[in-house]
Amino acid sequence: MADNKTASAKTDQTKNDPKTENLPETTGETLPPSPLHTDHGSTLIAEQVVQKIAGIACREVPGIHAMGSTGRRMLSSITDRIPGSTTNVSNGVQVEKGERQCAIDLSVVIEYGYSVVEVANKLRETIIDAVEYGTGLEVVEVNVQVTDVYLQGDDEGDEDQPAQTISQRKNTELS
């Protein structure tokens, strides 16, 4: 309750603040031009489109082993085995989209030996570039949730893959 009183007190102070009195009203103003809204019409993009673009971009970043929560990854691995099914590239990606902007939340598993901070920063950069180029939407934030660290040999069938040492991964540039 105290938070609501504090918030309303701040709002009341802002209304009476001489610094804010001369600012233009935002109601009724037209928004700045956008590649999605032109004089000739508007382009609407579904959230699923943004999810897929972000998911594909996420898989391009070194150090990402998988996307999504454990339960979701397990379900995806079962459905991927069904003949004729397609891979769900938007697994672990949630999007909140408006007319001109979007926010993206990711859930990922990072391979052991990679810096979580470097991988998260590279994810943000890659996804913002891909989504803004592919859709024309402005990406206001990309939140990364690291749900697990993958260790070589955790999954069955990894014995056939060549082992990569930690020092080799650390020397791999995330560019």
N, C-alpha and C. Protein backbone atom coordinates (compact mmCIF):
# COMPACT_ATOMS: atom_id res chain seq x y z
N MET A 1 0.81 -1.19 0.00
CA MET A 1 0.00 0.00 0.00
C MET A 1 0.86 1.26 0.00
N ALA A 2 1.97 1.21 0.75
CA ALA A 2 2.83 2.39 0.83
C ALA A 2 3.40 2.73 -0.53
N ASP A 3 3.67 1.71 -1.35
CA ASP A 3 4.22 1.95 -2.68
C ASP A 3 3.23 2.72 -3.55
N ASN A 4 1.95 2.39 -3.45
CA ASN A 4 0.93 3.09 -4.24
C ASN A 4 0.84 4.56 -3.83
N LYS A 5 0.92 4.82 -2.51
CA LYS A 5 0.86 6.21 -2.04
C LYS A 5 2.07 6.98 -2.53
N THR A 6 3.26 6.32 -2.47
CA THR A 6 4.48 6.97 -2.93
C THR A 6 4.42 7.25 -4.42
N ALA A 7 3.93 6.28 -5.20
CA ALA A 7 3.83 6.45 -6.65
C ALA A 7 2.86 7.58 -6.99
N SER A 8 1.72 7.64 -6.30
CA SER A 8 0.76 8.70 -6.60
C SER A 8 1.29 10.05 -6.15
N ALA A 9 2.06 10.09 -5.07
CA ALA A 9 2.65 11.35 -4.62
C ALA A 9 3.66 11.85 -5.64
N LYS A 10 4.44 10.94 -6.22
CA LYS A 10 5.41 11.33 -7.25
C LYS A 10 4.69 11.85 -8.49
N THR A 11 3.59 11.20 -8.86
CA THR A 11 2.83 11.63 -10.02
C THR A 11 2.26 13.02 -9.79
N ASP A 12 1.74 13.28 -8.57
CA ASP A 12 1.20 14.59 -8.24
C ASP A 12 2.30 15.65 -8.28
N GLN A 13 3.48 15.30 -7.81
CA GLN A 13 4.59 16.25 -7.83
C GLN A 13 4.98 16.58 -9.27
N THR A 14 4.97 15.58 -10.15
CA THR A 14 5.33 15.80 -11.54
C THR A 14 4.33 16.74 -12.21
N LYS A 15 3.05 16.61 -11.88
CA LYS A 15 2.03 17.48 -12.47
C LYS A 15 2.26 18.94 -12.11
N ASN A 16 2.71 19.17 -10.87
CA ASN A 16 2.90 20.53 -10.40
C ASN A 16 4.34 21.03 -10.58
N ASP A 17 5.20 20.22 -11.15
CA ASP A 17 6.60 20.57 -11.33
C ASP A 17 6.72 21.58 -12.47
N PRO A 18 7.35 22.74 -12.22
CA PRO A 18 7.47 23.76 -13.28
C PRO A 18 8.31 23.26 -14.45
N LYS A 19 9.20 22.31 -14.23
CA LYS A 19 10.04 21.78 -15.31
C LYS A 19 9.21 21.03 -16.35
N THR A 20 8.14 20.39 -15.90
CA THR A 20 7.34 19.58 -16.80
C THR A 20 6.12 20.33 -17.35
N GLU A 21 5.86 21.53 -16.86
CA GLU A 21 4.68 22.26 -17.32
C GLU A 21 4.76 22.64 -18.79
N ASN A 22 5.95 22.95 -19.30
CA ASN A 22 6.09 23.42 -20.67
C ASN A 22 6.32 22.31 -21.69
N LEU A 23 6.35 21.06 -21.22
CA LEU A 23 6.54 19.95 -22.15
C LEU A 23 5.28 19.74 -22.97
N PRO A 24 5.42 19.38 -24.25
CA PRO A 24 4.21 19.17 -25.07
C PRO A 24 3.45 17.94 -24.62
N GLU A 25 2.17 18.01 -24.77
CA GLU A 25 1.31 16.86 -24.46
C GLU A 25 1.56 15.77 -25.49
N THR A 26 1.61 14.52 -25.02
CA THR A 26 1.85 13.42 -25.95
C THR A 26 0.57 12.86 -26.54
N THR A 27 -0.55 13.23 -25.99
CA THR A 27 -1.81 12.72 -26.52
C THR A 27 -2.14 13.42 -27.82
N GLY A 28 -2.52 12.66 -28.81
CA GLY A 28 -2.93 13.21 -30.08
C GLY A 28 -1.78 13.46 -31.06
N GLU A 29 -0.53 13.31 -30.60
CA GLU A 29 0.60 13.50 -31.50
C GLU A 29 0.75 12.28 -32.39
N THR A 30 1.23 12.51 -33.59
CA THR A 30 1.49 11.38 -34.47
C THR A 30 2.86 10.80 -34.15
N LEU A 31 2.97 9.51 -34.31
CA LEU A 31 4.23 8.82 -34.04
C LEU A 31 5.21 9.08 -35.16
N PRO A 32 6.51 8.97 -34.89
CA PRO A 32 7.50 9.17 -35.94
C PRO A 32 7.33 8.13 -37.04
N PRO A 33 7.81 8.43 -38.25
CA PRO A 33 7.66 7.49 -39.36
C PRO A 33 8.30 6.14 -39.05
N SER A 34 7.72 5.12 -39.62
CA SER A 34 8.21 3.75 -39.41
C SER A 34 8.18 3.03 -40.75
N PRO A 35 9.12 2.11 -40.98
CA PRO A 35 9.08 1.34 -42.23
C PRO A 35 7.83 0.46 -42.32
N LEU A 36 7.18 0.23 -41.19
CA LEU A 36 5.98 -0.61 -41.18
C LEU A 36 4.70 0.19 -41.44
N HIS A 37 4.76 1.50 -41.28
CA HIS A 37 3.58 2.34 -41.47
C HIS A 37 3.94 3.46 -42.44
N THR A 38 3.41 3.38 -43.64
CA THR A 38 3.71 4.37 -44.67
C THR A 38 2.42 5.04 -45.12
N ASP A 39 2.56 5.98 -46.01
CA ASP A 39 1.39 6.65 -46.57
C ASP A 39 0.55 5.70 -47.42
N HIS A 40 1.18 4.62 -47.89
CA HIS A 40 0.50 3.67 -48.78
C HIS A 40 -0.09 2.47 -48.05
N GLY A 41 0.11 2.39 -46.74
CA GLY A 41 -0.46 1.29 -45.98
C GLY A 41 0.43 0.84 -44.84
N SER A 42 -0.05 -0.12 -44.09
CA SER A 42 0.67 -0.64 -42.93
C SER A 42 1.02 -2.11 -43.10
N THR A 43 2.08 -2.52 -42.47
CA THR A 43 2.49 -3.91 -42.46
C THR A 43 2.38 -4.41 -41.03
N LEU A 44 1.65 -5.49 -40.83
CA LEU A 44 1.51 -6.10 -39.51
C LEU A 44 2.31 -7.39 -39.47
N ILE A 45 3.05 -7.59 -38.40
CA ILE A 45 3.91 -8.76 -38.26
C ILE A 45 3.44 -9.55 -37.05
N ALA A 46 3.23 -10.84 -37.22
CA ALA A 46 2.78 -11.70 -36.13
C ALA A 46 3.93 -11.97 -35.16
N GLU A 47 3.58 -12.21 -33.89
CA GLU A 47 4.59 -12.52 -32.88
C GLU A 47 5.41 -13.74 -33.26
N GLN A 48 4.77 -14.73 -33.92
CA GLN A 48 5.46 -15.96 -34.30
C GLN A 48 6.60 -15.67 -35.27
N VAL A 49 6.45 -14.66 -36.11
CA VAL A 49 7.51 -14.29 -37.05
C VAL A 49 8.73 -13.78 -36.29
N VAL A 50 8.48 -12.92 -35.32
CA VAL A 50 9.57 -12.39 -34.50
C VAL A 50 10.23 -13.52 -33.71
N GLN A 51 9.41 -14.44 -33.17
CA GLN A 51 9.93 -15.58 -32.42
C GLN A 51 10.86 -16.43 -33.28
N LYS A 52 10.45 -16.72 -34.49
CA LYS A 52 11.27 -17.56 -35.37
C LYS A 52 12.57 -16.87 -35.75
N ILE A 53 12.50 -15.60 -36.09
CA ILE A 53 13.72 -14.87 -36.46
C ILE A 53 14.68 -14.84 -35.28
N ALA A 54 14.17 -14.56 -34.08
CA ALA A 54 15.01 -14.52 -32.89
C ALA A 54 15.59 -15.90 -32.57
N GLY A 55 14.77 -16.95 -32.74
CA GLY A 55 15.24 -18.31 -32.47
C GLY A 55 16.34 -18.74 -33.42
N ILE A 56 16.19 -18.43 -34.69
CA ILE A 56 17.21 -18.77 -35.68
C ILE A 56 18.50 -18.00 -35.38
N ALA A 57 18.37 -16.72 -35.06
CA ALA A 57 19.55 -15.90 -34.74
C ALA A 57 20.25 -16.41 -33.49
N CYS A 58 19.48 -16.87 -32.52
CA CYS A 58 20.03 -17.37 -31.27
C CYS A 58 20.91 -18.60 -31.51
N ARG A 59 20.49 -19.47 -32.40
CA ARG A 59 21.23 -20.70 -32.69
C ARG A 59 22.55 -20.42 -33.41
N GLU A 60 22.73 -19.22 -33.94
CA GLU A 60 23.96 -18.87 -34.64
C GLU A 60 25.07 -18.44 -33.69
N VAL A 61 24.75 -18.21 -32.43
CA VAL A 61 25.73 -17.70 -31.47
C VAL A 61 26.52 -18.86 -30.87
N PRO A 62 27.86 -18.79 -30.93
CA PRO A 62 28.69 -19.85 -30.32
C PRO A 62 28.47 -19.89 -28.81
N GLY A 63 28.42 -21.09 -28.26
CA GLY A 63 28.24 -21.26 -26.83
C GLY A 63 26.82 -21.62 -26.44
N ILE A 64 25.88 -21.49 -27.36
CA ILE A 64 24.49 -21.87 -27.08
C ILE A 64 24.34 -23.35 -27.41
N HIS A 65 23.97 -24.14 -26.41
CA HIS A 65 23.76 -25.56 -26.64
C HIS A 65 22.32 -25.86 -27.00
N ALA A 66 21.38 -25.26 -26.27
CA ALA A 66 19.96 -25.52 -26.49
C ALA A 66 19.16 -24.32 -26.01
N MET A 67 17.88 -24.34 -26.37
CA MET A 67 16.98 -23.27 -25.97
C MET A 67 15.74 -23.85 -25.30
N GLY A 68 15.22 -23.12 -24.33
CA GLY A 68 13.99 -23.53 -23.65
C GLY A 68 14.27 -24.21 -22.33
N SER A 69 13.20 -24.44 -21.58
CA SER A 69 13.31 -25.13 -20.30
C SER A 69 13.51 -26.62 -20.53
N THR A 70 13.84 -27.34 -19.48
CA THR A 70 14.09 -28.78 -19.59
C THR A 70 12.88 -29.52 -20.13
N GLY A 71 11.70 -29.23 -19.60
CA GLY A 71 10.48 -29.90 -20.06
C GLY A 71 10.18 -29.60 -21.52
N ARG A 72 10.36 -28.36 -21.91
CA ARG A 72 10.10 -27.95 -23.30
C ARG A 72 11.09 -28.62 -24.25
N ARG A 73 12.36 -28.70 -23.84
CA ARG A 73 13.37 -29.35 -24.68
C ARG A 73 13.07 -30.84 -24.83
N MET A 74 12.58 -31.48 -23.75
CA MET A 74 12.25 -32.89 -23.81
C MET A 74 11.08 -33.13 -24.76
N LEU A 75 10.07 -32.28 -24.68
CA LEU A 75 8.91 -32.40 -25.57
C LEU A 75 9.34 -32.18 -27.02
N SER A 76 10.20 -31.21 -27.26
CA SER A 76 10.68 -30.93 -28.62
C SER A 76 11.48 -32.09 -29.18
N SER A 77 12.29 -32.74 -28.33
CA SER A 77 13.09 -33.86 -28.82
C SER A 77 12.19 -35.03 -29.23
N ILE A 78 11.07 -35.18 -28.56
CA ILE A 78 10.12 -36.25 -28.92
C ILE A 78 9.42 -35.91 -30.23
N THR A 79 8.95 -34.67 -30.35
CA THR A 79 8.23 -34.29 -31.57
C THR A 79 9.16 -34.23 -32.78
N ASP A 80 10.45 -33.95 -32.58
CA ASP A 80 11.41 -33.92 -33.69
C ASP A 80 11.61 -35.30 -34.31
N ARG A 81 11.32 -36.35 -33.55
CA ARG A 81 11.50 -37.72 -34.04
C ARG A 81 10.33 -38.21 -34.88
N ILE A 82 9.25 -37.47 -34.90
CA ILE A 82 8.08 -37.84 -35.68
C ILE A 82 8.38 -37.53 -37.15
N PRO A 83 8.22 -38.52 -38.03
CA PRO A 83 8.48 -38.26 -39.46
C PRO A 83 7.59 -37.15 -39.99
N GLY A 84 8.20 -36.24 -40.72
CA GLY A 84 7.47 -35.13 -41.32
C GLY A 84 7.32 -33.93 -40.42
N SER A 85 7.78 -34.03 -39.17
CA SER A 85 7.66 -32.87 -38.28
C SER A 85 8.78 -31.88 -38.55
N THR A 86 8.55 -30.65 -38.21
CA THR A 86 9.56 -29.62 -38.41
C THR A 86 10.16 -29.23 -37.07
N THR A 87 11.39 -28.75 -37.11
CA THR A 87 12.06 -28.32 -35.90
C THR A 87 11.44 -27.01 -35.40
N ASN A 88 11.20 -26.94 -34.11
CA ASN A 88 10.63 -25.74 -33.51
C ASN A 88 11.77 -24.78 -33.19
N VAL A 89 12.02 -23.81 -34.08
CA VAL A 89 13.14 -22.89 -33.88
C VAL A 89 12.82 -21.80 -32.86
N SER A 90 11.56 -21.65 -32.49
CA SER A 90 11.19 -20.60 -31.54
C SER A 90 11.11 -21.12 -30.11
N ASN A 91 11.58 -22.33 -29.87
CA ASN A 91 11.59 -22.90 -28.53
C ASN A 91 12.46 -22.03 -27.62
N GLY A 92 11.94 -21.61 -26.48
CA GLY A 92 12.70 -20.79 -25.55
C GLY A 92 12.66 -19.31 -25.84
N VAL A 93 11.83 -18.88 -26.80
CA VAL A 93 11.74 -17.47 -27.16
C VAL A 93 10.32 -16.99 -26.88
N GLN A 94 10.21 -15.91 -26.12
CA GLN A 94 8.92 -15.28 -25.88
C GLN A 94 9.02 -13.83 -26.34
N VAL A 95 7.96 -13.36 -26.98
CA VAL A 95 7.98 -12.02 -27.56
C VAL A 95 6.76 -11.24 -27.09
N GLU A 96 6.99 -9.99 -26.72
CA GLU A 96 5.91 -9.03 -26.50
C GLU A 96 6.06 -8.00 -27.59
N LYS A 97 5.03 -7.86 -28.44
CA LYS A 97 5.16 -7.02 -29.62
C LYS A 97 4.06 -5.98 -29.65
N GLY A 98 4.48 -4.78 -30.01
CA GLY A 98 3.52 -3.70 -30.27
C GLY A 98 3.53 -3.40 -31.75
N GLU A 99 3.04 -2.23 -32.13
CA GLU A 99 3.01 -1.86 -33.54
C GLU A 99 4.39 -1.53 -34.10
N ARG A 100 5.26 -0.97 -33.25
CA ARG A 100 6.56 -0.51 -33.72
C ARG A 100 7.73 -1.08 -32.93
N GLN A 101 7.47 -1.67 -31.80
CA GLN A 101 8.54 -2.15 -30.92
C GLN A 101 8.23 -3.55 -30.42
N CYS A 102 9.30 -4.22 -29.94
CA CYS A 102 9.09 -5.52 -29.33
C CYS A 102 10.14 -5.74 -28.24
N ALA A 103 9.83 -6.64 -27.32
CA ALA A 103 10.75 -7.07 -26.28
C ALA A 103 10.82 -8.58 -26.37
N ILE A 104 12.02 -9.12 -26.17
CA ILE A 104 12.24 -10.55 -26.36
C ILE A 104 12.84 -11.14 -25.09
N ASP A 105 12.29 -12.28 -24.66
CA ASP A 105 12.81 -13.03 -23.53
C ASP A 105 13.31 -14.38 -24.04
N LEU A 106 14.54 -14.74 -23.66
CA LEU A 106 15.14 -15.99 -24.09
C LEU A 106 15.43 -16.88 -22.90
N SER A 107 15.30 -18.17 -23.12
CA SER A 107 15.69 -19.17 -22.13
C SER A 107 16.67 -20.10 -22.83
N VAL A 108 17.93 -20.14 -22.35
CA VAL A 108 18.97 -20.89 -23.05
C VAL A 108 19.80 -21.76 -22.12
N VAL A 109 20.47 -22.73 -22.72
CA VAL A 109 21.46 -23.56 -22.05
C VAL A 109 22.79 -23.24 -22.71
N ILE A 110 23.78 -22.87 -21.90
CA ILE A 110 25.09 -22.50 -22.41
C ILE A 110 26.07 -23.64 -22.19
N GLU A 111 26.96 -23.83 -23.16
CA GLU A 111 27.98 -24.87 -23.05
C GLU A 111 29.03 -24.47 -22.02
N TYR A 112 29.48 -25.45 -21.25
CA TYR A 112 30.51 -25.20 -20.25
C TYR A 112 31.79 -24.72 -20.93
N GLY A 113 32.45 -23.73 -20.35
CA GLY A 113 33.67 -23.19 -20.90
C GLY A 113 33.49 -21.85 -21.57
N TYR A 114 32.25 -21.47 -21.84
CA TYR A 114 31.96 -20.17 -22.42
C TYR A 114 31.57 -19.20 -21.31
N SER A 115 31.90 -17.94 -21.49
CA SER A 115 31.52 -16.90 -20.54
C SER A 115 30.04 -16.58 -20.72
N VAL A 116 29.28 -16.70 -19.65
CA VAL A 116 27.85 -16.41 -19.70
C VAL A 116 27.63 -14.95 -20.13
N VAL A 117 28.42 -14.05 -19.60
CA VAL A 117 28.27 -12.63 -19.92
C VAL A 117 28.54 -12.38 -21.40
N GLU A 118 29.62 -12.95 -21.94
CA GLU A 118 29.95 -12.75 -23.35
C GLU A 118 28.90 -13.35 -24.27
N VAL A 119 28.43 -14.55 -23.93
CA VAL A 119 27.42 -15.20 -24.76
C VAL A 119 26.11 -14.39 -24.71
N ALA A 120 25.72 -13.93 -23.54
CA ALA A 120 24.48 -13.14 -23.41
C ALA A 120 24.59 -11.84 -24.21
N ASN A 121 25.73 -11.17 -24.13
CA ASN A 121 25.91 -9.94 -24.90
C ASN A 121 25.89 -10.20 -26.39
N LYS A 122 26.52 -11.28 -26.84
CA LYS A 122 26.51 -11.63 -28.26
C LYS A 122 25.10 -12.00 -28.70
N LEU A 123 24.35 -12.70 -27.84
CA LEU A 123 22.95 -13.02 -28.13
C LEU A 123 22.14 -11.75 -28.37
N ARG A 124 22.27 -10.79 -27.47
CA ARG A 124 21.52 -9.55 -27.60
C ARG A 124 21.86 -8.85 -28.92
N GLU A 125 23.14 -8.74 -29.20
CA GLU A 125 23.58 -8.06 -30.42
C GLU A 125 23.05 -8.77 -31.67
N THR A 126 23.19 -10.08 -31.71
CA THR A 126 22.78 -10.86 -32.88
C THR A 126 21.27 -10.80 -33.08
N ILE A 127 20.52 -10.95 -32.00
CA ILE A 127 19.06 -10.97 -32.10
C ILE A 127 18.52 -9.59 -32.45
N ILE A 128 19.05 -8.55 -31.85
CA ILE A 128 18.59 -7.19 -32.19
C ILE A 128 18.84 -6.91 -33.67
N ASP A 129 20.04 -7.24 -34.16
CA ASP A 129 20.34 -7.01 -35.58
C ASP A 129 19.38 -7.79 -36.48
N ALA A 130 19.17 -9.07 -36.17
CA ALA A 130 18.33 -9.93 -37.02
C ALA A 130 16.88 -9.48 -37.02
N VAL A 131 16.32 -9.20 -35.84
CA VAL A 131 14.91 -8.83 -35.75
C VAL A 131 14.66 -7.44 -36.35
N GLU A 132 15.53 -6.48 -36.05
CA GLU A 132 15.32 -5.15 -36.61
C GLU A 132 15.47 -5.15 -38.12
N TYR A 133 16.44 -5.90 -38.65
CA TYR A 133 16.60 -5.98 -40.10
C TYR A 133 15.43 -6.75 -40.73
N GLY A 134 15.05 -7.88 -40.14
CA GLY A 134 14.04 -8.74 -40.73
C GLY A 134 12.62 -8.24 -40.62
N THR A 135 12.33 -7.41 -39.61
CA THR A 135 10.95 -7.01 -39.39
C THR A 135 10.72 -5.50 -39.43
N GLY A 136 11.75 -4.72 -39.20
CA GLY A 136 11.57 -3.27 -39.11
C GLY A 136 11.10 -2.82 -37.74
N LEU A 137 10.88 -3.77 -36.82
CA LEU A 137 10.49 -3.42 -35.46
C LEU A 137 11.72 -3.01 -34.66
N GLU A 138 11.55 -2.07 -33.76
CA GLU A 138 12.63 -1.69 -32.85
C GLU A 138 12.62 -2.66 -31.67
N VAL A 139 13.76 -3.26 -31.38
CA VAL A 139 13.87 -4.17 -30.23
C VAL A 139 14.31 -3.32 -29.04
N VAL A 140 13.44 -3.21 -28.04
CA VAL A 140 13.73 -2.36 -26.89
C VAL A 140 14.52 -3.10 -25.81
N GLU A 141 14.37 -4.43 -25.74
CA GLU A 141 15.15 -5.21 -24.77
C GLU A 141 15.17 -6.67 -25.16
N VAL A 142 16.27 -7.31 -24.79
CA VAL A 142 16.42 -8.76 -24.93
C VAL A 142 16.87 -9.28 -23.58
N ASN A 143 16.01 -10.00 -22.89
CA ASN A 143 16.32 -10.57 -21.58
C ASN A 143 16.74 -12.02 -21.78
N VAL A 144 17.89 -12.38 -21.19
CA VAL A 144 18.43 -13.73 -21.35
C VAL A 144 18.40 -14.44 -20.00
N GLN A 145 17.73 -15.59 -19.98
CA GLN A 145 17.71 -16.43 -18.78
C GLN A 145 18.51 -17.69 -19.09
N VAL A 146 19.61 -17.90 -18.38
CA VAL A 146 20.42 -19.10 -18.56
C VAL A 146 19.88 -20.14 -17.58
N THR A 147 19.30 -21.22 -18.12
CA THR A 147 18.64 -22.22 -17.28
C THR A 147 19.54 -23.38 -16.92
N ASP A 148 20.65 -23.56 -17.65
CA ASP A 148 21.53 -24.70 -17.38
C ASP A 148 22.86 -24.50 -18.08
N VAL A 149 23.83 -25.29 -17.66
CA VAL A 149 25.14 -25.34 -18.32
C VAL A 149 25.31 -26.75 -18.84
N TYR A 150 25.64 -26.87 -20.11
CA TYR A 150 25.79 -28.17 -20.75
C TYR A 150 27.24 -28.65 -20.59
N LEU A 151 27.39 -29.87 -20.12
CA LEU A 151 28.70 -30.51 -20.02
C LEU A 151 28.79 -31.58 -21.10
N GLN A 152 29.90 -31.60 -21.82
CA GLN A 152 30.10 -32.61 -22.88
C GLN A 152 29.88 -33.99 -22.27
N GLY A 153 29.07 -34.80 -22.90
CA GLY A 153 28.80 -36.15 -22.43
C GLY A 153 27.54 -36.26 -21.58
N ASP A 154 26.85 -35.13 -21.32
CA ASP A 154 25.60 -35.18 -20.55
C ASP A 154 24.50 -35.92 -21.31
N ASP A 155 24.47 -35.78 -22.64
CA ASP A 155 23.45 -36.42 -23.45
C ASP A 155 23.98 -37.72 -24.01
N GLU A 156 23.07 -38.65 -24.26
CA GLU A 156 23.46 -39.89 -24.91
C GLU A 156 23.86 -39.60 -26.35
N GLY A 157 24.85 -40.30 -26.86
CA GLY A 157 25.25 -40.16 -28.25
C GLY A 157 26.35 -39.15 -28.45
N ASP A 158 26.82 -38.49 -27.38
CA ASP A 158 27.88 -37.51 -27.52
C ASP A 158 29.25 -38.16 -27.67
N GLU A 159 29.35 -39.47 -27.44
CA GLU A 159 30.63 -40.14 -27.53
C GLU A 159 31.20 -40.07 -28.94
N ASP A 160 30.32 -39.95 -29.95
CA ASP A 160 30.77 -39.91 -31.33
C ASP A 160 31.33 -38.54 -31.72
N GLN A 161 30.98 -37.50 -30.96
CA GLN A 161 31.44 -36.16 -31.29
C GLN A 161 32.84 -35.95 -30.73
N PRO A 162 33.70 -35.26 -31.49
CA PRO A 162 35.04 -35.00 -30.97
C PRO A 162 34.98 -34.07 -29.77
N ALA A 163 35.81 -34.35 -28.78
CA ALA A 163 35.85 -33.53 -27.57
C ALA A 163 36.55 -32.21 -27.86
N GLN A 164 36.02 -31.15 -27.30
CA GLN A 164 36.63 -29.85 -27.46
C GLN A 164 37.05 -29.39 -26.06
N THR A 165 38.30 -29.04 -25.88
CA THR A 165 38.79 -28.68 -24.56
C THR A 165 38.31 -27.31 -24.16
N ILE A 166 38.34 -27.08 -22.86
CA ILE A 166 37.90 -25.79 -22.33
C ILE A 166 38.77 -24.67 -22.86
N SER A 167 40.07 -24.92 -22.95
CA SER A 167 40.96 -23.85 -23.43
C SER A 167 40.64 -23.49 -24.88
N GLN A 168 40.25 -24.47 -25.69
CA GLN A 168 39.87 -24.17 -27.08
C GLN A 168 38.61 -23.31 -27.10
N ARG A 169 37.65 -23.60 -26.22
CA ARG A 169 36.42 -22.81 -26.19
C ARG A 169 36.68 -21.40 -25.73
N LYS A 170 37.54 -21.26 -24.71
CA LYS A 170 37.84 -19.93 -24.20
C LYS A 170 38.53 -19.08 -25.26
N ASN A 171 39.32 -19.74 -26.13
CA ASN A 171 40.03 -19.00 -27.17
C ASN A 171 39.14 -18.71 -28.36
N THR A 172 37.97 -19.34 -28.43
CA THR A 172 37.04 -19.09 -29.52
C THR A 172 36.47 -17.70 -29.36
N GLU A 173 36.61 -16.91 -30.39
CA GLU A 173 36.12 -15.54 -30.32
C GLU A 173 34.64 -15.50 -30.61
N LEU A 174 33.90 -14.75 -29.85
CA LEU A 174 32.46 -14.62 -30.04
C LEU A 174 32.17 -13.42 -30.92
N SER A 175 32.69 -13.44 -32.14
CA SER A 175 32.44 -12.30 -33.03
C SER A 175 31.70 -12.68 -34.26
